[in-house]
C-alpha atoms as a PDB file:
ATOM      1  CA  UNK A   1      -7.268  -8.997   4.500  1.00  0.00           C
ATOM      2  CA  UNK A   2      -9.861  -7.265   6.691  1.00  0.00           C
ATOM      3  CA  UNK A   3      -8.936  -6.751  10.328  1.00  0.00           C
ATOM      4  CA  UNK A   4     -10.809  -8.687  12.954  1.00  0.00           C
ATOM      5  CA  UNK A   5     -12.801  -6.521  15.377  1.00  0.00           C
ATOM      6  CA  UNK A   6     -11.044  -5.951  18.658  1.00  0.00           C
ATOM      7  CA  UNK A   7     -11.605  -8.630  21.281  1.00  0.00           C
ATOM      8  CA  UNK A   8     -13.192  -6.854  24.224  1.00  0.00           C
ATOM      9  CA  UNK A   9     -15.500  -8.395  26.804  1.00  0.00           C
ATOM     10  CA  UNK A  10     -16.814  -6.389  29.781  1.00  0.00           C
ATOM     11  CA  UNK A  11     -15.285  -7.566  33.041  1.00  0.00           C
ATOM     12  CA  UNK A  12     -12.183  -9.057  31.414  1.00  0.00           C
ATOM     13  CA  UNK A  13      -8.884  -7.210  31.916  1.00  0.00           C
ATOM     14  CA  UNK A  14      -6.810  -6.010  28.983  1.00  0.00           C
ATOM     15  CA  UNK A  15      -3.200  -5.061  28.437  1.00  0.00           C
ATOM     16  CA  UNK A  16      -3.165  -1.963  26.218  1.00  0.00           C
ATOM     17  CA  UNK A  17      -0.239  -0.343  24.395  1.00  0.00           C
ATOM     18  CA  UNK A  18      -0.083   2.912  22.435  1.00  0.00           C
ATOM     19  CA  UNK A  19       3.276   3.616  20.809  1.00  0.00           C
ATOM     20  CA  UNK A  20       4.584   6.949  19.569  1.00  0.00           C
ATOM     21  CA  UNK A  21       5.265   7.571  15.874  1.00  0.00           C
ATOM     22  CA  UNK A  22       8.846   6.620  14.933  1.00  0.00           C
ATOM     23  CA  UNK A  23       9.775   6.574  18.618  1.00  0.00           C
ATOM     24  CA  UNK A  24       9.464  10.378  18.822  1.00  0.00           C
ATOM     25  CA  UNK A  25       8.732  11.368  22.463  1.00  0.00           C
ATOM     26  CA  UNK A  26       5.047  12.071  23.001  1.00  0.00           C
ATOM     27  CA  UNK A  27       5.802  13.558  26.405  1.00  0.00           C
ATOM     28  CA  UNK A  28       8.598  16.112  26.501  1.00  0.00           C
ATOM     29  CA  UNK A  29       8.430  17.359  30.073  1.00  0.00           C
ATOM     30  CA  UNK A  30       6.549  17.043  33.341  1.00  0.00           C
ATOM     31  CA  UNK A  31       3.739  19.288  32.088  1.00  0.00           C
ATOM     32  CA  UNK A  32       3.020  16.846  29.262  1.00  0.00           C
ATOM     33  CA  UNK A  33       3.130  13.873  31.617  1.00  0.00           C
ATOM     34  CA  UNK A  34       0.752  15.405  34.121  1.00  0.00           C
ATOM     35  CA  UNK A  35      -1.583  16.430  31.304  1.00  0.00           C
ATOM     36  CA  UNK A  36      -1.578  12.871  29.956  1.00  0.00           C
ATOM     37  CA  UNK A  37      -2.427  11.505  33.407  1.00  0.00           C
ATOM     38  CA  UNK A  38      -5.240  14.006  33.905  1.00  0.00           C
ATOM     39  CA  UNK A  39      -6.707  13.169  30.500  1.00  0.00           C
ATOM     40  CA  UNK A  40      -6.419   9.430  31.136  1.00  0.00           C
ATOM     41  CA  UNK A  41      -8.190   9.797  34.474  1.00  0.00           C
ATOM     42  CA  UNK A  42     -11.103  11.694  32.901  1.00  0.00           C
ATOM     43  CA  UNK A  43     -11.604   9.602  29.762  1.00  0.00           C
ATOM     44  CA  UNK A  44     -11.361   6.279  31.608  1.00  0.00           C
ATOM     45  CA  UNK A  45     -14.077   7.336  34.037  1.00  0.00           C
ATOM     46  CA  UNK A  46     -16.295   8.615  31.208  1.00  0.00           C
ATOM     47  CA  UNK A  47     -15.875   5.378  29.227  1.00  0.00           C
ATOM     48  CA  UNK A  48     -16.491   3.102  32.208  1.00  0.00           C
ATOM     49  CA  UNK A  49     -13.004   1.618  32.258  1.00  0.00           C
ATOM     50  CA  UNK A  50     -11.166   0.652  35.461  1.00  0.00           C
ATOM     51  CA  UNK A  51      -7.454   1.455  35.311  1.00  0.00           C
ATOM     52  CA  UNK A  52      -5.376  -0.922  37.433  1.00  0.00           C
ATOM     53  CA  UNK A  53      -1.869   0.137  36.354  1.00  0.00           C
ATOM     54  CA  UNK A  54      -0.283   2.605  33.942  1.00  0.00           C
ATOM     55  CA  UNK A  55       3.105   3.545  32.541  1.00  0.00           C
ATOM     56  CA  UNK A  56       3.700   6.685  30.497  1.00  0.00           C
ATOM     57  CA  UNK A  57       7.204   6.949  29.059  1.00  0.00           C
ATOM     58  CA  UNK A  58       8.697   8.811  26.113  1.00  0.00           C
ATOM     59  CA  UNK A  59       7.977   6.222  23.418  1.00  0.00           C
ATOM     60  CA  UNK A  60       4.782   4.553  24.626  1.00  0.00           C
ATOM     61  CA  UNK A  61       1.896   4.253  27.047  1.00  0.00           C
ATOM     62  CA  UNK A  62       1.142   0.872  28.626  1.00  0.00           C
ATOM     63  CA  UNK A  63      -2.066   0.249  30.561  1.00  0.00           C
ATOM     64  CA  UNK A  64      -3.737  -2.550  32.489  1.00  0.00           C
ATOM     65  CA  UNK A  65      -7.488  -1.965  32.458  1.00  0.00           C
ATOM     66  CA  UNK A  66     -10.889  -3.626  32.751  1.00  0.00           C
ATOM     67  CA  UNK A  67     -13.888  -2.274  30.801  1.00  0.00           C
ATOM     68  CA  UNK A  68     -17.268  -2.278  32.523  1.00  0.00           C
ATOM     69  CA  UNK A  69     -19.190  -1.848  29.265  1.00  0.00           C
ATOM     70  CA  UNK A  70     -18.830  -3.062  25.645  1.00  0.00           C
ATOM     71  CA  UNK A  71     -16.259  -1.118  23.596  1.00  0.00           C
ATOM     72  CA  UNK A  72     -15.230   0.832  26.688  1.00  0.00           C
ATOM     73  CA  UNK A  73     -11.502   0.603  25.980  1.00  0.00           C
ATOM     74  CA  UNK A  74     -11.993   1.732  22.375  1.00  0.00           C
ATOM     75  CA  UNK A  75     -13.972   4.763  23.502  1.00  0.00           C
ATOM     76  CA  UNK A  76     -11.373   5.574  26.151  1.00  0.00           C
ATOM     77  CA  UNK A  77      -8.442   5.439  23.739  1.00  0.00           C
ATOM     78  CA  UNK A  78     -10.235   7.455  21.051  1.00  0.00           C
ATOM     79  CA  UNK A  79     -11.172  10.136  23.570  1.00  0.00           C
ATOM     80  CA  UNK A  80      -7.649  10.207  24.996  1.00  0.00           C
ATOM     81  CA  UNK A  81      -6.150  10.667  21.525  1.00  0.00           C
ATOM     82  CA  UNK A  82      -8.476  13.544  20.693  1.00  0.00           C
ATOM     83  CA  UNK A  83      -7.842  15.355  23.960  1.00  0.00           C
ATOM     84  CA  UNK A  84      -4.136  14.817  24.421  1.00  0.00           C
ATOM     85  CA  UNK A  85      -2.858  15.089  20.849  1.00  0.00           C
ATOM     86  CA  UNK A  86      -4.721  18.358  20.268  1.00  0.00           C
ATOM     87  CA  UNK A  87      -3.365  19.899  23.468  1.00  0.00           C
ATOM     88  CA  UNK A  88       0.164  18.609  22.777  1.00  0.00           C
ATOM     89  CA  UNK A  89       0.180  20.020  19.246  1.00  0.00           C
ATOM     90  CA  UNK A  90      -1.029  23.429  20.395  1.00  0.00           C
ATOM     91  CA  UNK A  91       1.524  23.586  23.194  1.00  0.00           C
ATOM     92  CA  UNK A  92       4.464  22.532  21.028  1.00  0.00           C
ATOM     93  CA  UNK A  93       3.366  24.273  17.808  1.00  0.00           C
ATOM     94  CA  UNK A  94       3.185  21.118  15.718  1.00  0.00           C
ATOM     95  CA  UNK A  95       0.639  19.239  13.620  1.00  0.00           C
ATOM     96  CA  UNK A  96      -0.201  15.630  12.870  1.00  0.00           C
ATOM     97  CA  UNK A  97      -0.576  12.452  14.846  1.00  0.00           C
ATOM     98  CA  UNK A  98       1.656  11.284  17.665  1.00  0.00           C
ATOM     99  CA  UNK A  99       0.845   7.617  17.284  1.00  0.00           C
ATOM    100  CA  UNK A 100       2.340   4.719  15.360  1.00  0.00           C
ATOM    101  CA  UNK A 101      -1.007   3.453  14.109  1.00  0.00           C
ATOM    102  CA  UNK A 102      -3.818   1.974  16.187  1.00  0.00           C
ATOM    103  CA  UNK A 103      -3.364   1.055  19.795  1.00  0.00           C
ATOM    104  CA  UNK A 104      -2.678  -2.599  20.581  1.00  0.00           C
ATOM    105  CA  UNK A 105      -4.572  -4.642  23.130  1.00  0.00           C
ATOM    106  CA  UNK A 106      -4.947  -8.184  24.420  1.00  0.00           C
ATOM    107  CA  UNK A 107      -7.446  -9.650  26.860  1.00  0.00           C
ATOM    108  CA  UNK A 108      -5.911 -11.428  29.831  1.00  0.00           C
ATOM    109  CA  UNK A 109      -6.809 -14.422  31.955  1.00  0.00           C
ATOM    110  CA  UNK A 110      -6.898 -12.677  35.361  1.00  0.00           C
ATOM    111  CA  UNK A 111      -6.132 -15.849  37.286  1.00  0.00           C
ATOM    112  CA  UNK A 112      -2.900 -16.607  35.431  1.00  0.00           C
ATOM    113  CA  UNK A 113      -1.541 -13.496  33.699  1.00  0.00           C
ATOM    114  CA  UNK A 114      -2.846 -10.340  35.340  1.00  0.00           C
ATOM    115  CA  UNK A 115      -0.077  -9.901  37.900  1.00  0.00           C
ATOM    116  CA  UNK A 116       2.568 -10.636  35.265  1.00  0.00           C
ATOM    117  CA  UNK A 117       1.076  -7.930  33.047  1.00  0.00           C
ATOM    118  CA  UNK A 118       1.008  -5.567  36.021  1.00  0.00           C
ATOM    119  CA  UNK A 119       4.716  -6.172  36.630  1.00  0.00           C
ATOM    120  CA  UNK A 120       5.391  -5.335  32.978  1.00  0.00           C
ATOM    121  CA  UNK A 121       3.486  -2.064  33.329  1.00  0.00           C
ATOM    122  CA  UNK A 122       4.821  -0.924  36.699  1.00  0.00           C
ATOM    123  CA  UNK A 123       8.434  -1.786  35.877  1.00  0.00           C
ATOM    124  CA  UNK A 124       8.450   0.012  32.532  1.00  0.00           C
ATOM    125  CA  UNK A 125       9.735   3.237  34.003  1.00  0.00           C
ATOM    126  CA  UNK A 126      12.503   1.768  36.159  1.00  0.00           C
ATOM    127  CA  UNK A 127      16.132   2.204  35.180  1.00  0.00           C
ATOM    128  CA  UNK A 128      15.489   5.139  32.841  1.00  0.00           C
ATOM    129  CA  UNK A 129      18.363   7.440  33.695  1.00  0.00           C
ATOM    130  CA  UNK A 130      17.369  11.006  32.997  1.00  0.00           C
ATOM    131  CA  UNK A 131      14.189   9.931  31.226  1.00  0.00           C
ATOM    132  CA  UNK A 132      10.636  10.927  32.050  1.00  0.00           C
ATOM    133  CA  UNK A 133       8.465   8.145  33.422  1.00  0.00           C
ATOM    134  CA  UNK A 134       5.051   8.298  35.063  1.00  0.00           C
ATOM    135  CA  UNK A 135       3.883   4.948  36.441  1.00  0.00           C
ATOM    136  CA  UNK A 136       1.592   3.397  39.043  1.00  0.00           C
ATOM    137  CA  UNK A 137       4.504   1.660  40.797  1.00  0.00           C
ATOM    138  CA  UNK A 138       4.577   4.079  43.738  1.00  0.00           C
ATOM    139  CA  UNK A 139       0.845   3.554  44.265  1.00  0.00           C
ATOM    140  CA  UNK A 140       1.252  -0.229  44.465  1.00  0.00           C
ATOM    141  CA  UNK A 141       4.232   0.119  46.798  1.00  0.00           C
ATOM    142  CA  UNK A 142       2.272   2.334  49.183  1.00  0.00           C
ATOM    143  CA  UNK A 143       4.407   5.383  48.466  1.00  0.00           C
ATOM    144  CA  UNK A 144       1.552   7.565  47.233  1.00  0.00           C
ATOM    145  CA  UNK A 145      -2.117   6.670  46.804  1.00  0.00           C
ATOM    146  CA  UNK A 146      -3.820   7.491  43.514  1.00  0.00           C
ATOM    147  CA  UNK A 147      -7.485   7.209  44.343  1.00  0.00           C
ATOM    148  CA  UNK A 148      -8.634   7.060  40.721  1.00  0.00           C
ATOM    149  CA  UNK A 149      -6.841   3.728  40.230  1.00  0.00           C
ATOM    150  CA  UNK A 150      -8.812   0.542  40.914  1.00  0.00           C
ATOM    151  CA  UNK A 151      -6.733  -2.204  42.506  1.00  0.00           C
ATOM    152  CA  UNK A 152      -7.620  -5.560  40.957  1.00  0.00           C
ATOM    153  CA  UNK A 153      -8.691  -8.444  43.204  1.00  0.00           C
ATOM    154  CA  UNK A 154      -5.523 -10.320  42.183  1.00  0.00           C
ATOM    155  CA  UNK A 155      -3.476  -7.526  43.775  1.00  0.00           C
ATOM    156  CA  UNK A 156      -5.625  -7.537  46.926  1.00  0.00           C
ATOM    157  CA  UNK A 157      -4.980 -11.277  47.250  1.00  0.00           C
ATOM    158  CA  UNK A 158      -1.254 -10.600  47.750  1.00  0.00           C
ATOM    159  CA  UNK A 159      -1.784  -9.874  51.447  1.00  0.00           C
ATOM    160  CA  UNK A 160      -4.309  -9.233  54.192  1.00  0.00           C
ATOM    161  CA  UNK A 161      -2.956  -5.775  55.012  1.00  0.00           C
ATOM    162  CA  UNK A 162      -1.674  -2.894  52.906  1.00  0.00           C
ATOM    163  CA  UNK A 163       1.834  -3.473  54.297  1.00  0.00           C
ATOM    164  CA  UNK A 164       1.765  -7.135  53.204  1.00  0.00           C
ATOM    165  CA  UNK A 165       0.552  -6.205  49.710  1.00  0.00           C
ATOM    166  CA  UNK A 166       3.147  -3.466  49.310  1.00  0.00           C
ATOM    167  CA  UNK A 167       5.975  -5.731  50.454  1.00  0.00           C
ATOM    168  CA  UNK A 168       4.806  -8.593  48.243  1.00  0.00           C
ATOM    169  CA  UNK A 169       4.596  -6.293  45.262  1.00  0.00           C
ATOM    170  CA  UNK A 170       8.073  -4.878  45.841  1.00  0.00           C
ATOM    171  CA  UNK A 171       9.462  -8.414  45.809  1.00  0.00           C
ATOM    172  CA  UNK A 172       7.516  -9.326  42.695  1.00  0.00           C
ATOM    173  CA  UNK A 173       8.700  -6.292  40.740  1.00  0.00           C
ATOM    174  CA  UNK A 174      12.288  -6.878  41.884  1.00  0.00           C
ATOM    175  CA  UNK A 175      12.143 -10.463  40.578  1.00  0.00           C
ATOM    176  CA  UNK A 176      10.892  -9.241  37.208  1.00  0.00           C
ATOM    177  CA  UNK A 177       9.254 -11.337  34.508  1.00  0.00           C
ATOM    178  CA  UNK A 178      10.200 -14.719  33.200  1.00  0.00           C
ATOM    179  CA  UNK A 179      11.364 -14.317  29.602  1.00  0.00           C
ATOM    180  CA  UNK A 180       8.744 -16.753  28.296  1.00  0.00           C
ATOM    181  CA  UNK A 181       5.931 -14.861  30.032  1.00  0.00           C
ATOM    182  CA  UNK A 182       7.196 -11.530  28.709  1.00  0.00           C
ATOM    183  CA  UNK A 183       7.336 -12.939  25.190  1.00  0.00           C
ATOM    184  CA  UNK A 184       3.789 -14.244  25.507  1.00  0.00           C
ATOM    185  CA  UNK A 185       2.476 -10.874  26.684  1.00  0.00           C
ATOM    186  CA  UNK A 186       4.247  -9.038  23.863  1.00  0.00           C
ATOM    187  CA  UNK A 187       3.034 -11.571  21.290  1.00  0.00           C
ATOM    188  CA  UNK A 188      -0.515 -11.049  22.511  1.00  0.00           C
ATOM    189  CA  UNK A 189      -0.175  -7.297  22.057  1.00  0.00           C
ATOM    190  CA  UNK A 190       1.305  -7.659  18.577  1.00  0.00           C
ATOM    191  CA  UNK A 191      -1.357 -10.045  17.339  1.00  0.00           C
ATOM    192  CA  UNK A 192      -4.308  -8.832  19.370  1.00  0.00           C
ATOM    193  CA  UNK A 193      -4.944 -12.424  20.517  1.00  0.00           C
ATOM    194  CA  UNK A 194      -6.168 -12.927  24.087  1.00  0.00           C
ATOM    195  CA  UNK A 195      -3.673 -14.314  26.576  1.00  0.00           C
ATOM    196  CA  UNK A 196      -5.921 -16.934  28.113  1.00  0.00           C
ATOM    197  CA  UNK A 197      -5.974 -20.627  28.912  1.00  0.00           C
ATOM    198  CA  UNK A 198      -7.279 -22.999  26.257  1.00  0.00           C
ATOM    199  CA  UNK A 199     -10.483 -23.998  28.021  1.00  0.00           C
ATOM    200  CA  UNK A 200     -11.644 -20.372  28.182  1.00  0.00           C
ATOM    201  CA  UNK A 201     -11.410 -19.715  24.454  1.00  0.00           C
ATOM    202  CA  UNK A 202     -14.748 -21.192  23.399  1.00  0.00           C
ATOM    203  CA  UNK A 203     -16.606 -19.473  26.241  1.00  0.00           C
ATOM    204  CA  UNK A 204     -15.158 -16.059  25.442  1.00  0.00           C
ATOM    205  CA  UNK A 205     -15.517 -16.358  21.667  1.00  0.00           C
ATOM    206  CA  UNK A 206     -19.293 -16.233  21.979  1.00  0.00           C
ATOM    207  CA  UNK A 207     -19.100 -13.156  24.223  1.00  0.00           C
ATOM    208  CA  UNK A 208     -16.565 -11.380  21.992  1.00  0.00           C
ATOM    209  CA  UNK A 209     -18.322 -12.226  18.723  1.00  0.00           C
ATOM    210  CA  UNK A 210     -15.110 -13.269  16.973  1.00  0.00           C
ATOM    211  CA  UNK A 211     -12.547 -16.043  17.047  1.00  0.00           C
ATOM    212  CA  UNK A 212      -9.958 -15.718  19.783  1.00  0.00           C
ATOM    213  CA  UNK A 213      -7.187 -17.871  18.375  1.00  0.00           C
ATOM    214  CA  UNK A 214      -5.311 -17.657  15.056  1.00  0.00           C
ATOM    215  CA  UNK A 215      -6.770 -19.783  12.284  1.00  0.00           C
ATOM    216  CA  UNK A 216      -4.700 -22.747  11.212  1.00  0.00           C
ATOM    217  CA  UNK A 217      -2.467 -22.037   8.252  1.00  0.00           C
ATOM    218  CA  UNK A 218      -3.128 -23.683   4.915  1.00  0.00           C
ATOM    219  CA  UNK A 219      -6.285 -24.844   3.256  1.00  0.00           C
ATOM    220  CA  UNK A 220      -8.809 -26.869   5.211  1.00  0.00           C
ATOM    221  CA  UNK A 221      -8.721 -30.581   4.608  1.00  0.00           C
ATOM    222  CA  UNK A 222     -11.120 -31.837   2.000  1.00  0.00           C
ATOM    223  CA  UNK A 223     -13.824 -34.165   3.159  1.00  0.00           C
ATOM    224  CA  UNK A 224     -13.529 -37.391   1.236  1.00  0.00           C
ATOM    225  CA  UNK A 225     -16.794 -38.713  -0.252  1.00  0.00           C
ATOM    226  CA  UNK A 226     -18.242 -41.837   1.250  1.00  0.00           C
ATOM    227  CA  UNK A 227     -17.349 -44.681  -1.148  1.00  0.00           C
ATOM    228  CA  UNK A 228     -20.633 -46.348  -0.300  1.00  0.00           C
END
């Protein structure tokens, strides 16, 4: 069965995941991590994609982004793969891909799911004893500004001052995600289906140029002929 084109609408945030092949670490040290961040910063700007949050850990990269132009996320991820994989292979004297297939992505309803997705991203690196983790958590806690990141309006709404936003975010990350919300976010990534409220589906389908909900299983019901 042919794959549906990716659902991507300018101005709508996306949760994006790129996993490493067979769980093999795609960053081995701080040099790799800093290189990945530098490449991500450059390719996102070139593709017209706002990065709100990121997490780079040994087995995956998780991003929360908003494209400003059609196919911006696709261009960003393709450019990142070309730049980073080539440099990684040269540095570590290896060949071949680092990735477990195509990247995964899911559009998000910013009013209902964006902050949950941001918690998932920022918290990905916590509790990794001895493991490398590069995330945007410190930025959102006010512990180090990363000027290339674009704070989403949902984050700004957490408080009227930076201190209020940082404190609110610390509490939110500490609380973690409800299991049902986490499952919904992960299911969206696996299936590529937008994580949006029902009333938004028909509006976004026209903009995306594809259906945004799984088709019903089974054959469609036959229309019975009019006996008259």
